[in-house]
Amino acid sequence: MLAHPMEGLPATLLHDEVLPARAPWNHVLKRGEVLRIIDLEGNQAVDFLMYAMADDAERYSAQDTICRQGNLFLRSGSVLYSNEGRAMATVLGSSVAYHDTIGGACSCESNTLRYGHHTRHQHACVENFLQANAIDGRGKRDMVSNINWFMNVPVEADGALGIVDGISAPGLHVDLRADMDLVVVISNCPQVNNPCNGFNPTPIRLLIAA
C-alpha cells in the first residue's frame, strides 16, 4: 500500500480524480505521462481501452500484446502493443501480482446469458465504453478486447477460464506510462453477478503525473 498517493510518481501532478463506482471515463494521456490507477477499497475490476491520439484506427491489441510478451497476464514491465505492432504504454509498476487480458467486458447480453434474463436491465462495461467513446465519435465497431486491471481470471489446465475472487486490496495500484499520445477509456466495472468486484462495485482514484 502507498504511504502517499504520489509516492513513486513524477513530481508534477496533472490530474487527480475519484471515479465513482460503475462510471465511464475518457481522458488524454500524453507521451511520457504516467497514469496511476488506485483500487481504493479493494477487489474492483477496471476495464481499460487505449486509442492512438493521432489516428484512433490504431488501438490496443490484446493479440499483439500477448504474442510479444509470451504471457496472458500483465505485470510490472509489460509493454502494451497496438494493432500496428507499436508500443502504446508500459506497466511501470504494479502492487498487484498480475492483471487480466482475456476476460473481456461484461455486457447486458452476456449478463443475460450467464446469469439469467432478470439481469438484462443491469448497466455493464460495454455500455460504459460506448458512452465514453461517443465523446470522440467512436462506436461499437471501435471496441476491441480490453484489459481488466486488478481482475483475477485464472486459466485452468484444460484451458477453461474462471472469474474468481480478486487478488487486490485497498490502496493497491498500477502505474502506466504512455509511450505515445493516447486516448484512455475506462469502465469502472459495474458487475454484481460474479466475484470480479467482490459483488460490490466501488470507486477508484486516477492520478496523472509528468
N, C-alpha and C. Protein backbone atom coordinates (compact mmCIF):
# COMPACT_ATOMS: atom_id res chain seq x y z
N MET A 1 0.85 -1.20 0.00
CA MET A 1 0.00 0.00 0.00
C MET A 1 0.88 1.24 0.00
N LEU A 2 0.41 2.30 -0.69
CA LEU A 2 1.18 3.52 -0.79
C LEU A 2 1.15 4.32 0.51
N ALA A 3 2.30 4.84 0.91
CA ALA A 3 2.33 5.74 2.05
C ALA A 3 1.69 7.07 1.69
N HIS A 4 1.80 7.45 0.40
CA HIS A 4 1.22 8.69 -0.11
C HIS A 4 0.79 8.41 -1.55
N PRO A 5 -0.34 8.95 -2.02
CA PRO A 5 -0.82 8.64 -3.38
C PRO A 5 0.16 8.97 -4.49
N MET A 6 1.07 9.96 -4.27
CA MET A 6 2.05 10.35 -5.29
C MET A 6 3.37 9.61 -5.17
N GLU A 7 3.51 8.75 -4.19
CA GLU A 7 4.78 8.04 -3.99
C GLU A 7 5.18 7.28 -5.26
N GLY A 8 6.40 7.54 -5.73
CA GLY A 8 6.92 6.84 -6.90
C GLY A 8 6.52 7.45 -8.23
N LEU A 9 5.68 8.49 -8.24
CA LEU A 9 5.26 9.13 -9.47
C LEU A 9 6.17 10.32 -9.80
N PRO A 10 6.20 10.77 -11.07
CA PRO A 10 6.87 12.03 -11.38
C PRO A 10 6.30 13.19 -10.54
N ALA A 11 7.06 14.26 -10.41
CA ALA A 11 6.76 15.28 -9.41
C ALA A 11 5.52 16.12 -9.71
N THR A 12 5.21 16.31 -10.99
CA THR A 12 4.14 17.24 -11.35
C THR A 12 2.82 16.50 -11.50
N LEU A 13 1.87 16.81 -10.64
CA LEU A 13 0.54 16.20 -10.71
C LEU A 13 -0.32 16.99 -11.69
N LEU A 14 -0.82 16.32 -12.71
CA LEU A 14 -1.62 16.98 -13.75
C LEU A 14 -3.12 16.74 -13.58
N HIS A 15 -3.46 15.64 -12.94
CA HIS A 15 -4.89 15.29 -12.83
C HIS A 15 -5.06 14.37 -11.62
N ASP A 16 -6.14 14.60 -10.88
CA ASP A 16 -6.45 13.78 -9.71
C ASP A 16 -7.96 13.70 -9.61
N GLU A 17 -8.48 12.50 -9.76
CA GLU A 17 -9.94 12.33 -9.82
C GLU A 17 -10.33 11.01 -9.16
N VAL A 18 -11.41 11.03 -8.41
CA VAL A 18 -12.03 9.79 -7.93
C VAL A 18 -13.18 9.47 -8.87
N LEU A 19 -13.08 8.32 -9.53
CA LEU A 19 -14.11 7.88 -10.46
C LEU A 19 -15.12 7.02 -9.69
N PRO A 20 -16.38 7.42 -9.68
CA PRO A 20 -17.37 6.67 -8.90
C PRO A 20 -17.54 5.23 -9.39
N ALA A 21 -18.07 4.40 -8.53
CA ALA A 21 -18.42 3.04 -8.92
C ALA A 21 -19.35 3.08 -10.13
N ARG A 22 -19.09 2.14 -11.07
CA ARG A 22 -19.94 1.92 -12.25
C ARG A 22 -19.78 2.98 -13.34
N ALA A 23 -18.87 3.94 -13.19
CA ALA A 23 -18.81 5.09 -14.09
C ALA A 23 -17.83 4.88 -15.25
N PRO A 24 -18.07 5.57 -16.40
CA PRO A 24 -17.11 5.59 -17.51
C PRO A 24 -16.14 6.76 -17.38
N TRP A 25 -15.05 6.71 -18.16
CA TRP A 25 -14.03 7.77 -18.12
C TRP A 25 -13.33 7.82 -19.46
N ASN A 26 -13.04 9.03 -19.95
CA ASN A 26 -12.31 9.25 -21.20
C ASN A 26 -11.33 10.37 -20.93
N HIS A 27 -10.03 10.13 -21.23
CA HIS A 27 -9.04 11.16 -20.92
C HIS A 27 -7.83 11.02 -21.85
N VAL A 28 -7.22 12.14 -22.19
CA VAL A 28 -5.99 12.14 -22.98
C VAL A 28 -4.80 11.92 -22.06
N LEU A 29 -3.89 11.04 -22.51
CA LEU A 29 -2.64 10.77 -21.79
C LEU A 29 -1.51 11.00 -22.78
N LYS A 30 -0.73 12.06 -22.55
CA LYS A 30 0.35 12.41 -23.48
C LYS A 30 1.58 11.52 -23.26
N ARG A 31 2.36 11.40 -24.32
CA ARG A 31 3.57 10.57 -24.26
C ARG A 31 4.44 10.98 -23.07
N GLY A 32 4.87 10.01 -22.28
CA GLY A 32 5.72 10.25 -21.12
C GLY A 32 4.96 10.46 -19.83
N GLU A 33 3.67 10.78 -19.91
CA GLU A 33 2.88 10.93 -18.70
C GLU A 33 2.56 9.56 -18.10
N VAL A 34 2.37 9.54 -16.80
CA VAL A 34 2.11 8.30 -16.08
C VAL A 34 0.71 8.36 -15.46
N LEU A 35 -0.08 7.35 -15.75
CA LEU A 35 -1.40 7.19 -15.15
C LEU A 35 -1.31 6.18 -14.02
N ARG A 36 -1.70 6.59 -12.83
CA ARG A 36 -1.79 5.66 -11.70
C ARG A 36 -3.27 5.37 -11.42
N ILE A 37 -3.63 4.10 -11.41
CA ILE A 37 -4.98 3.66 -11.07
C ILE A 37 -4.91 3.03 -9.69
N ILE A 38 -5.66 3.59 -8.75
CA ILE A 38 -5.64 3.11 -7.36
C ILE A 38 -6.97 2.43 -7.05
N ASP A 39 -6.89 1.20 -6.59
CA ASP A 39 -8.06 0.44 -6.16
C ASP A 39 -8.37 0.85 -4.72
N LEU A 40 -9.28 1.80 -4.55
CA LEU A 40 -9.45 2.43 -3.25
C LEU A 40 -9.94 1.48 -2.17
N GLU A 41 -10.89 0.61 -2.50
CA GLU A 41 -11.49 -0.25 -1.48
C GLU A 41 -11.16 -1.73 -1.66
N GLY A 42 -10.48 -2.07 -2.76
CA GLY A 42 -10.05 -3.45 -2.99
C GLY A 42 -11.02 -4.25 -3.84
N ASN A 43 -10.44 -5.15 -4.66
CA ASN A 43 -11.22 -6.08 -5.49
C ASN A 43 -12.17 -5.38 -6.45
N GLN A 44 -11.72 -4.27 -7.05
CA GLN A 44 -12.51 -3.57 -8.05
C GLN A 44 -11.86 -3.76 -9.42
N ALA A 45 -12.55 -4.41 -10.35
CA ALA A 45 -12.04 -4.57 -11.71
C ALA A 45 -12.18 -3.26 -12.46
N VAL A 46 -11.14 -2.92 -13.23
CA VAL A 46 -11.13 -1.69 -14.02
C VAL A 46 -10.91 -2.05 -15.48
N ASP A 47 -11.97 -1.99 -16.29
CA ASP A 47 -11.89 -2.31 -17.72
C ASP A 47 -11.27 -1.12 -18.46
N PHE A 48 -10.39 -1.42 -19.44
CA PHE A 48 -9.48 -0.39 -19.95
C PHE A 48 -9.23 -0.58 -21.44
N LEU A 49 -9.35 0.52 -22.21
CA LEU A 49 -9.01 0.54 -23.64
C LEU A 49 -8.11 1.74 -23.92
N MET A 50 -7.33 1.66 -25.01
CA MET A 50 -6.48 2.76 -25.44
C MET A 50 -6.59 2.94 -26.95
N TYR A 51 -6.54 4.19 -27.38
CA TYR A 51 -6.52 4.54 -28.80
C TYR A 51 -5.41 5.54 -29.05
N ALA A 52 -4.72 5.41 -30.18
CA ALA A 52 -3.70 6.39 -30.55
C ALA A 52 -4.38 7.72 -30.83
N MET A 53 -3.86 8.79 -30.24
CA MET A 53 -4.48 10.10 -30.42
C MET A 53 -4.34 10.58 -31.86
N ALA A 54 -3.24 10.24 -32.51
CA ALA A 54 -3.01 10.71 -33.88
C ALA A 54 -3.99 10.09 -34.87
N ASP A 55 -4.35 8.84 -34.64
CA ASP A 55 -5.26 8.12 -35.53
C ASP A 55 -5.85 6.97 -34.74
N ASP A 56 -7.13 7.11 -34.36
CA ASP A 56 -7.69 6.09 -33.46
C ASP A 56 -8.03 4.78 -34.15
N ALA A 57 -7.70 4.64 -35.45
CA ALA A 57 -7.73 3.31 -36.08
C ALA A 57 -6.62 2.43 -35.50
N GLU A 58 -5.61 3.07 -34.90
CA GLU A 58 -4.59 2.34 -34.15
C GLU A 58 -5.02 2.31 -32.70
N ARG A 59 -5.17 1.10 -32.18
CA ARG A 59 -5.68 0.96 -30.82
C ARG A 59 -5.07 -0.27 -30.16
N TYR A 60 -5.27 -0.41 -28.85
CA TYR A 60 -4.72 -1.53 -28.10
C TYR A 60 -5.08 -2.86 -28.74
N SER A 61 -4.11 -3.74 -28.80
CA SER A 61 -4.31 -5.09 -29.35
C SER A 61 -3.90 -6.13 -28.31
N ALA A 62 -4.90 -6.85 -27.80
CA ALA A 62 -4.60 -7.94 -26.86
C ALA A 62 -3.75 -9.00 -27.55
N GLN A 63 -4.05 -9.30 -28.82
CA GLN A 63 -3.32 -10.34 -29.53
C GLN A 63 -1.84 -10.01 -29.66
N ASP A 64 -1.55 -8.77 -30.10
CA ASP A 64 -0.14 -8.37 -30.25
C ASP A 64 0.57 -8.34 -28.91
N THR A 65 -0.12 -7.85 -27.89
CA THR A 65 0.48 -7.75 -26.56
C THR A 65 0.80 -9.14 -26.00
N ILE A 66 -0.14 -10.04 -26.07
CA ILE A 66 0.07 -11.40 -25.57
C ILE A 66 1.18 -12.10 -26.33
N CYS A 67 1.16 -11.97 -27.68
CA CYS A 67 2.17 -12.63 -28.51
C CYS A 67 3.56 -12.10 -28.23
N ARG A 68 3.70 -10.77 -28.14
CA ARG A 68 5.03 -10.18 -27.99
C ARG A 68 5.65 -10.52 -26.63
N GLN A 69 4.82 -10.62 -25.59
CA GLN A 69 5.40 -10.90 -24.27
C GLN A 69 5.32 -12.38 -23.91
N GLY A 70 4.59 -13.17 -24.71
CA GLY A 70 4.50 -14.62 -24.47
C GLY A 70 3.82 -14.95 -23.16
N ASN A 71 2.82 -14.12 -22.77
CA ASN A 71 2.14 -14.36 -21.50
C ASN A 71 0.76 -13.73 -21.55
N LEU A 72 -0.22 -14.41 -20.96
CA LEU A 72 -1.59 -13.89 -20.93
C LEU A 72 -1.77 -12.76 -19.92
N PHE A 73 -0.90 -12.71 -18.92
CA PHE A 73 -1.10 -11.78 -17.82
C PHE A 73 -0.16 -10.59 -17.92
N LEU A 74 -0.61 -9.45 -17.41
CA LEU A 74 0.20 -8.24 -17.39
C LEU A 74 0.79 -8.04 -16.01
N ARG A 75 2.08 -7.70 -15.99
CA ARG A 75 2.80 -7.48 -14.74
C ARG A 75 3.67 -6.24 -14.88
N SER A 76 4.38 -5.88 -13.83
CA SER A 76 5.36 -4.79 -13.91
C SER A 76 6.33 -5.09 -15.05
N GLY A 77 6.52 -4.11 -15.92
CA GLY A 77 7.42 -4.27 -17.06
C GLY A 77 6.73 -4.67 -18.35
N SER A 78 5.47 -5.08 -18.28
CA SER A 78 4.75 -5.46 -19.50
C SER A 78 4.58 -4.25 -20.41
N VAL A 79 4.74 -4.49 -21.72
CA VAL A 79 4.53 -3.45 -22.73
C VAL A 79 3.22 -3.75 -23.45
N LEU A 80 2.40 -2.74 -23.64
CA LEU A 80 1.10 -2.89 -24.29
C LEU A 80 1.23 -2.40 -25.73
N TYR A 81 0.90 -3.28 -26.67
CA TYR A 81 1.11 -3.00 -28.08
C TYR A 81 -0.20 -2.70 -28.80
N SER A 82 -0.06 -1.97 -29.92
CA SER A 82 -1.21 -1.63 -30.75
C SER A 82 -1.38 -2.65 -31.87
N ASN A 83 -2.47 -2.51 -32.62
CA ASN A 83 -2.70 -3.37 -33.78
C ASN A 83 -1.72 -3.07 -34.92
N GLU A 84 -0.91 -2.00 -34.77
CA GLU A 84 0.15 -1.71 -35.73
C GLU A 84 1.50 -2.24 -35.23
N GLY A 85 1.49 -2.93 -34.09
CA GLY A 85 2.71 -3.51 -33.56
C GLY A 85 3.61 -2.51 -32.86
N ARG A 86 3.07 -1.34 -32.51
CA ARG A 86 3.87 -0.33 -31.83
C ARG A 86 3.55 -0.31 -30.34
N ALA A 87 4.56 0.05 -29.55
CA ALA A 87 4.36 0.15 -28.11
C ALA A 87 3.47 1.35 -27.81
N MET A 88 2.37 1.11 -27.10
CA MET A 88 1.46 2.19 -26.72
C MET A 88 1.73 2.67 -25.30
N ALA A 89 2.03 1.73 -24.41
CA ALA A 89 2.23 2.06 -23.00
C ALA A 89 3.01 0.94 -22.33
N THR A 90 3.60 1.28 -21.19
CA THR A 90 4.38 0.32 -20.41
C THR A 90 3.88 0.32 -18.97
N VAL A 91 3.74 -0.88 -18.40
CA VAL A 91 3.38 -1.01 -16.99
C VAL A 91 4.64 -0.76 -16.17
N LEU A 92 4.75 0.44 -15.62
CA LEU A 92 5.96 0.79 -14.86
C LEU A 92 6.04 0.07 -13.54
N GLY A 93 4.89 -0.15 -12.92
CA GLY A 93 4.87 -0.82 -11.64
C GLY A 93 3.48 -1.26 -11.29
N SER A 94 3.40 -2.28 -10.45
CA SER A 94 2.10 -2.79 -10.02
C SER A 94 2.25 -3.42 -8.65
N SER A 95 1.38 -3.02 -7.72
CA SER A 95 1.41 -3.65 -6.40
C SER A 95 0.48 -4.86 -6.35
N VAL A 96 -0.11 -5.19 -7.51
CA VAL A 96 -0.88 -6.42 -7.67
C VAL A 96 -0.06 -7.35 -8.56
N ALA A 97 -0.06 -8.64 -8.27
CA ALA A 97 0.85 -9.57 -8.93
C ALA A 97 0.64 -9.62 -10.44
N TYR A 98 -0.59 -9.61 -10.89
CA TYR A 98 -0.86 -9.69 -12.33
C TYR A 98 -2.26 -9.16 -12.62
N HIS A 99 -2.49 -8.88 -13.92
CA HIS A 99 -3.76 -8.33 -14.39
C HIS A 99 -4.21 -9.10 -15.62
N ASP A 100 -5.50 -9.07 -15.90
CA ASP A 100 -6.12 -9.91 -16.92
C ASP A 100 -6.14 -9.24 -18.29
N THR A 101 -5.94 -10.06 -19.34
CA THR A 101 -6.04 -9.59 -20.72
C THR A 101 -7.16 -10.27 -21.51
N ILE A 102 -7.81 -11.29 -20.98
CA ILE A 102 -8.71 -12.10 -21.81
C ILE A 102 -10.13 -12.24 -21.27
N GLY A 103 -10.40 -11.71 -20.09
CA GLY A 103 -11.74 -11.86 -19.50
C GLY A 103 -12.82 -11.06 -20.20
N GLY A 104 -12.42 -10.01 -20.94
CA GLY A 104 -13.38 -9.22 -21.70
C GLY A 104 -14.20 -8.28 -20.83
N ALA A 105 -15.16 -7.63 -21.49
CA ALA A 105 -16.03 -6.65 -20.83
C ALA A 105 -17.44 -7.22 -20.71
N CYS A 106 -18.04 -7.04 -19.55
CA CYS A 106 -19.41 -7.51 -19.38
C CYS A 106 -20.36 -6.65 -20.22
N SER A 107 -21.46 -7.24 -20.63
CA SER A 107 -22.49 -6.54 -21.40
C SER A 107 -23.86 -7.00 -20.92
N CYS A 108 -24.88 -6.26 -21.28
CA CYS A 108 -26.24 -6.69 -20.92
C CYS A 108 -26.54 -8.06 -21.50
N GLU A 109 -26.05 -8.30 -22.73
CA GLU A 109 -26.32 -9.59 -23.38
C GLU A 109 -25.60 -10.73 -22.67
N SER A 110 -24.31 -10.53 -22.33
CA SER A 110 -23.58 -11.61 -21.66
C SER A 110 -24.11 -11.83 -20.25
N ASN A 111 -24.55 -10.78 -19.58
CA ASN A 111 -25.17 -10.95 -18.26
C ASN A 111 -26.40 -11.85 -18.36
N THR A 112 -27.23 -11.59 -19.39
CA THR A 112 -28.44 -12.39 -19.58
C THR A 112 -28.10 -13.85 -19.81
N LEU A 113 -27.08 -14.08 -20.66
CA LEU A 113 -26.69 -15.45 -20.99
C LEU A 113 -26.13 -16.18 -19.78
N ARG A 114 -25.30 -15.51 -19.01
CA ARG A 114 -24.62 -16.17 -17.90
C ARG A 114 -25.46 -16.26 -16.63
N TYR A 115 -26.25 -15.19 -16.37
CA TYR A 115 -26.85 -15.07 -15.04
C TYR A 115 -28.37 -15.02 -15.05
N GLY A 116 -28.98 -14.99 -16.23
CA GLY A 116 -30.44 -15.02 -16.29
C GLY A 116 -31.03 -13.73 -16.83
N HIS A 117 -32.22 -13.85 -17.38
CA HIS A 117 -32.86 -12.71 -18.04
C HIS A 117 -33.16 -11.57 -17.06
N HIS A 118 -33.25 -11.88 -15.79
CA HIS A 118 -33.56 -10.82 -14.83
C HIS A 118 -32.42 -9.80 -14.69
N THR A 119 -31.22 -10.12 -15.26
CA THR A 119 -30.09 -9.18 -15.19
C THR A 119 -30.02 -8.26 -16.42
N ARG A 120 -30.94 -8.44 -17.36
CA ARG A 120 -30.87 -7.72 -18.65
C ARG A 120 -30.81 -6.20 -18.47
N HIS A 121 -31.45 -5.68 -17.46
CA HIS A 121 -31.51 -4.23 -17.26
C HIS A 121 -30.25 -3.66 -16.64
N GLN A 122 -29.35 -4.52 -16.13
CA GLN A 122 -28.21 -4.02 -15.37
C GLN A 122 -27.19 -3.34 -16.27
N HIS A 123 -26.68 -2.21 -15.82
CA HIS A 123 -25.64 -1.48 -16.53
C HIS A 123 -24.39 -2.35 -16.61
N ALA A 124 -23.61 -2.22 -17.70
CA ALA A 124 -22.45 -3.08 -17.91
C ALA A 124 -21.31 -2.30 -18.57
N CYS A 125 -20.14 -2.94 -18.64
CA CYS A 125 -18.95 -2.26 -19.15
C CYS A 125 -19.08 -1.86 -20.62
N VAL A 126 -19.73 -2.69 -21.42
CA VAL A 126 -19.89 -2.33 -22.84
C VAL A 126 -20.63 -0.99 -22.96
N GLU A 127 -21.65 -0.81 -22.16
CA GLU A 127 -22.40 0.46 -22.19
C GLU A 127 -21.52 1.63 -21.73
N ASN A 128 -20.69 1.40 -20.72
CA ASN A 128 -19.74 2.43 -20.30
C ASN A 128 -18.76 2.79 -21.41
N PHE A 129 -18.20 1.78 -22.07
CA PHE A 129 -17.27 2.03 -23.17
C PHE A 129 -17.94 2.81 -24.30
N LEU A 130 -19.17 2.44 -24.63
CA LEU A 130 -19.89 3.15 -25.69
C LEU A 130 -20.11 4.61 -25.32
N GLN A 131 -20.47 4.86 -24.06
CA GLN A 131 -20.70 6.22 -23.60
C GLN A 131 -19.41 7.04 -23.64
N ALA A 132 -18.31 6.46 -23.15
CA ALA A 132 -17.03 7.18 -23.13
C ALA A 132 -16.49 7.40 -24.54
N ASN A 133 -16.61 6.39 -25.40
CA ASN A 133 -16.09 6.50 -26.77
C ASN A 133 -16.90 7.48 -27.61
N ALA A 134 -18.18 7.62 -27.31
CA ALA A 134 -19.03 8.51 -28.08
C ALA A 134 -18.53 9.97 -28.03
N ILE A 135 -17.81 10.32 -26.98
CA ILE A 135 -17.24 11.68 -26.86
C ILE A 135 -16.36 12.00 -28.07
N ASP A 136 -15.65 10.98 -28.58
CA ASP A 136 -14.74 11.17 -29.72
C ASP A 136 -15.29 10.59 -31.02
N GLY A 137 -16.58 10.23 -31.03
CA GLY A 137 -17.20 9.74 -32.25
C GLY A 137 -16.96 8.28 -32.56
N ARG A 138 -16.47 7.52 -31.57
CA ARG A 138 -16.29 6.09 -31.80
C ARG A 138 -17.54 5.33 -31.38
N GLY A 139 -17.76 4.18 -32.03
CA GLY A 139 -18.94 3.37 -31.74
C GLY A 139 -18.58 1.94 -31.42
N LYS A 140 -19.56 1.06 -31.54
CA LYS A 140 -19.39 -0.33 -31.13
C LYS A 140 -18.33 -1.04 -31.95
N ARG A 141 -18.19 -0.68 -33.22
CA ARG A 141 -17.18 -1.33 -34.06
C ARG A 141 -15.76 -0.96 -33.67
N ASP A 142 -15.62 0.08 -32.86
CA ASP A 142 -14.30 0.52 -32.42
C ASP A 142 -13.87 -0.12 -31.10
N MET A 143 -14.72 -0.93 -30.53
CA MET A 143 -14.36 -1.64 -29.31
C MET A 143 -13.56 -2.88 -29.63
N VAL A 144 -12.50 -3.10 -28.86
CA VAL A 144 -11.65 -4.28 -29.04
C VAL A 144 -11.52 -4.99 -27.69
N SER A 145 -10.84 -6.12 -27.69
CA SER A 145 -10.60 -6.84 -26.43
C SER A 145 -9.86 -5.93 -25.47
N ASN A 146 -10.34 -5.84 -24.27
CA ASN A 146 -9.84 -4.86 -23.29
C ASN A 146 -8.96 -5.51 -22.23
N ILE A 147 -8.27 -4.65 -21.49
CA ILE A 147 -7.53 -5.05 -20.29
C ILE A 147 -8.47 -4.95 -19.10
N ASN A 148 -8.32 -5.83 -18.14
CA ASN A 148 -9.05 -5.76 -16.87
C ASN A 148 -8.02 -5.64 -15.74
N TRP A 149 -7.73 -4.39 -15.37
CA TRP A 149 -6.80 -4.19 -14.24
C TRP A 149 -7.42 -4.73 -12.96
N PHE A 150 -6.60 -5.38 -12.16
CA PHE A 150 -6.95 -5.94 -10.84
C PHE A 150 -7.84 -7.19 -10.92
N MET A 151 -8.28 -7.59 -12.10
CA MET A 151 -9.21 -8.72 -12.19
C MET A 151 -8.44 -10.04 -12.23
N ASN A 152 -8.97 -11.05 -11.55
CA ASN A 152 -8.33 -12.35 -11.41
C ASN A 152 -9.07 -13.37 -12.28
N VAL A 153 -8.46 -13.73 -13.42
CA VAL A 153 -9.07 -14.69 -14.35
C VAL A 153 -8.06 -15.82 -14.59
N PRO A 154 -8.01 -16.79 -13.69
CA PRO A 154 -7.06 -17.90 -13.86
C PRO A 154 -7.43 -18.78 -15.04
N VAL A 155 -6.42 -19.37 -15.65
CA VAL A 155 -6.61 -20.32 -16.75
C VAL A 155 -6.30 -21.71 -16.22
N GLU A 156 -7.30 -22.59 -16.28
CA GLU A 156 -7.13 -23.95 -15.76
C GLU A 156 -6.33 -24.81 -16.74
N ALA A 157 -5.90 -25.99 -16.30
CA ALA A 157 -5.09 -26.88 -17.13
C ALA A 157 -5.80 -27.27 -18.42
N ASP A 158 -7.12 -27.34 -18.38
CA ASP A 158 -7.88 -27.71 -19.57
C ASP A 158 -8.23 -26.52 -20.45
N GLY A 159 -7.70 -25.33 -20.10
CA GLY A 159 -7.95 -24.14 -20.89
C GLY A 159 -9.17 -23.33 -20.47
N ALA A 160 -9.93 -23.84 -19.52
CA ALA A 160 -11.12 -23.12 -19.06
C ALA A 160 -10.71 -21.88 -18.26
N LEU A 161 -11.53 -20.84 -18.39
CA LEU A 161 -11.29 -19.59 -17.65
C LEU A 161 -12.22 -19.52 -16.46
N GLY A 162 -11.73 -18.89 -15.40
CA GLY A 162 -12.58 -18.65 -14.24
C GLY A 162 -12.54 -17.18 -13.88
N ILE A 163 -13.63 -16.66 -13.34
CA ILE A 163 -13.65 -15.33 -12.76
C ILE A 163 -13.84 -15.53 -11.27
N VAL A 164 -12.79 -15.27 -10.52
CA VAL A 164 -12.79 -15.64 -9.11
C VAL A 164 -12.47 -14.42 -8.24
N ASP A 165 -12.42 -14.63 -6.94
CA ASP A 165 -12.13 -13.53 -6.03
C ASP A 165 -10.84 -12.81 -6.43
N GLY A 166 -10.85 -11.51 -6.32
CA GLY A 166 -9.71 -10.71 -6.72
C GLY A 166 -8.49 -10.90 -5.83
N ILE A 167 -7.34 -10.42 -6.32
CA ILE A 167 -6.10 -10.50 -5.56
C ILE A 167 -5.64 -9.10 -5.15
N SER A 168 -6.50 -8.11 -5.37
CA SER A 168 -6.18 -6.74 -4.98
C SER A 168 -6.66 -6.49 -3.55
N ALA A 169 -6.35 -5.30 -3.07
CA ALA A 169 -6.73 -4.90 -1.70
C ALA A 169 -6.78 -3.38 -1.67
N PRO A 170 -7.39 -2.80 -0.65
CA PRO A 170 -7.50 -1.34 -0.58
C PRO A 170 -6.15 -0.65 -0.71
N GLY A 171 -6.07 0.33 -1.64
CA GLY A 171 -4.86 1.13 -1.81
C GLY A 171 -3.85 0.58 -2.79
N LEU A 172 -4.07 -0.63 -3.32
CA LEU A 172 -3.12 -1.16 -4.29
C LEU A 172 -3.33 -0.45 -5.63
N HIS A 173 -2.29 -0.50 -6.50
CA HIS A 173 -2.33 0.35 -7.68
C HIS A 173 -1.57 -0.28 -8.84
N VAL A 174 -1.74 0.33 -10.02
CA VAL A 174 -0.94 0.02 -11.19
C VAL A 174 -0.56 1.34 -11.85
N ASP A 175 0.69 1.44 -12.33
CA ASP A 175 1.20 2.64 -12.98
C ASP A 175 1.47 2.35 -14.45
N LEU A 176 0.97 3.21 -15.31
CA LEU A 176 1.06 3.02 -16.76
C LEU A 176 1.66 4.26 -17.39
N ARG A 177 2.80 4.11 -18.10
CA ARG A 177 3.43 5.23 -18.80
C ARG A 177 3.02 5.20 -20.28
N ALA A 178 2.55 6.33 -20.77
CA ALA A 178 2.19 6.42 -22.18
C ALA A 178 3.45 6.48 -23.04
N ASP A 179 3.55 5.61 -24.04
CA ASP A 179 4.69 5.61 -24.97
C ASP A 179 4.34 6.29 -26.29
N MET A 180 3.12 6.78 -26.40
CA MET A 180 2.68 7.66 -27.49
C MET A 180 1.50 8.46 -26.92
N ASP A 181 1.06 9.48 -27.63
CA ASP A 181 -0.11 10.22 -27.19
C ASP A 181 -1.35 9.33 -27.33
N LEU A 182 -2.13 9.23 -26.24
CA LEU A 182 -3.21 8.25 -26.17
C LEU A 182 -4.52 8.91 -25.75
N VAL A 183 -5.62 8.27 -26.15
CA VAL A 183 -6.90 8.48 -25.51
C VAL A 183 -7.19 7.21 -24.70
N VAL A 184 -7.35 7.38 -23.40
CA VAL A 184 -7.60 6.25 -22.50
C VAL A 184 -9.09 6.22 -22.15
N VAL A 185 -9.69 5.05 -22.24
CA VAL A 185 -11.11 4.88 -21.93
C VAL A 185 -11.24 3.81 -20.85
N ILE A 186 -12.00 4.13 -19.80
CA ILE A 186 -12.15 3.23 -18.66
C ILE A 186 -13.63 2.99 -18.38
N SER A 187 -13.94 1.75 -18.03
CA SER A 187 -15.21 1.44 -17.37
C SER A 187 -14.88 0.94 -15.98
N ASN A 188 -15.31 1.68 -14.96
CA ASN A 188 -15.15 1.20 -13.59
C ASN A 188 -16.24 0.16 -13.36
N CYS A 189 -15.89 -1.08 -13.53
CA CYS A 189 -16.82 -2.18 -13.78
C CYS A 189 -18.02 -2.22 -12.82
N PRO A 190 -19.25 -2.29 -13.39
CA PRO A 190 -20.46 -2.33 -12.55
C PRO A 190 -20.95 -3.73 -12.22
N GLN A 191 -20.19 -4.76 -12.60
CA GLN A 191 -20.67 -6.14 -12.47
C GLN A 191 -20.96 -6.53 -11.01
N VAL A 192 -22.13 -7.11 -10.78
CA VAL A 192 -22.51 -7.56 -9.43
C VAL A 192 -22.86 -9.04 -9.38
N ASN A 193 -22.68 -9.76 -10.50
CA ASN A 193 -23.11 -11.15 -10.57
C ASN A 193 -21.98 -12.16 -10.45
N ASN A 194 -20.73 -11.68 -10.40
CA ASN A 194 -19.59 -12.58 -10.17
C ASN A 194 -18.60 -11.87 -9.26
N PRO A 195 -17.55 -12.56 -8.80
CA PRO A 195 -16.67 -12.00 -7.76
C PRO A 195 -15.67 -10.94 -8.23
N CYS A 196 -15.70 -10.55 -9.52
CA CYS A 196 -14.65 -9.66 -10.02
C CYS A 196 -14.59 -8.34 -9.26
N ASN A 197 -15.73 -7.89 -8.70
CA ASN A 197 -15.77 -6.69 -7.86
C ASN A 197 -16.16 -7.01 -6.42
N GLY A 198 -16.01 -8.25 -6.04
CA GLY A 198 -16.45 -8.64 -4.71
C GLY A 198 -17.94 -8.44 -4.53
N PHE A 199 -18.69 -8.50 -5.65
CA PHE A 199 -20.16 -8.29 -5.66
C PHE A 199 -20.55 -6.91 -5.15
N ASN A 200 -19.59 -5.96 -5.18
CA ASN A 200 -19.86 -4.62 -4.64
C ASN A 200 -18.98 -3.61 -5.35
N PRO A 201 -19.39 -3.06 -6.51
CA PRO A 201 -18.58 -2.08 -7.22
C PRO A 201 -18.25 -0.86 -6.35
N THR A 202 -17.00 -0.40 -6.47
CA THR A 202 -16.51 0.69 -5.61
C THR A 202 -15.71 1.70 -6.44
N PRO A 203 -15.45 2.90 -5.91
CA PRO A 203 -14.71 3.92 -6.64
C PRO A 203 -13.23 3.56 -6.81
N ILE A 204 -12.61 4.21 -7.79
CA ILE A 204 -11.17 4.15 -7.98
C ILE A 204 -10.64 5.58 -8.03
N ARG A 205 -9.33 5.72 -7.85
CA ARG A 205 -8.70 7.03 -7.95
C ARG A 205 -7.75 7.03 -9.13
N LEU A 206 -7.76 8.10 -9.92
CA LEU A 206 -6.96 8.21 -11.13
C LEU A 206 -6.05 9.44 -11.02
N LEU A 207 -4.75 9.21 -11.03
CA LEU A 207 -3.75 10.28 -10.98
C LEU A 207 -2.96 10.27 -12.28
N ILE A 208 -2.68 11.45 -12.82
CA ILE A 208 -1.79 11.59 -13.98
C ILE A 208 -0.67 12.53 -13.56
N ALA A 209 0.57 12.10 -13.81
CA ALA A 209 1.73 12.89 -13.40
C ALA A 209 2.77 12.91 -14.54
N ALA A 210 3.60 13.94 -14.52
CA ALA A 210 4.66 14.06 -15.53
C ALA A 210 5.88 14.75 -14.92
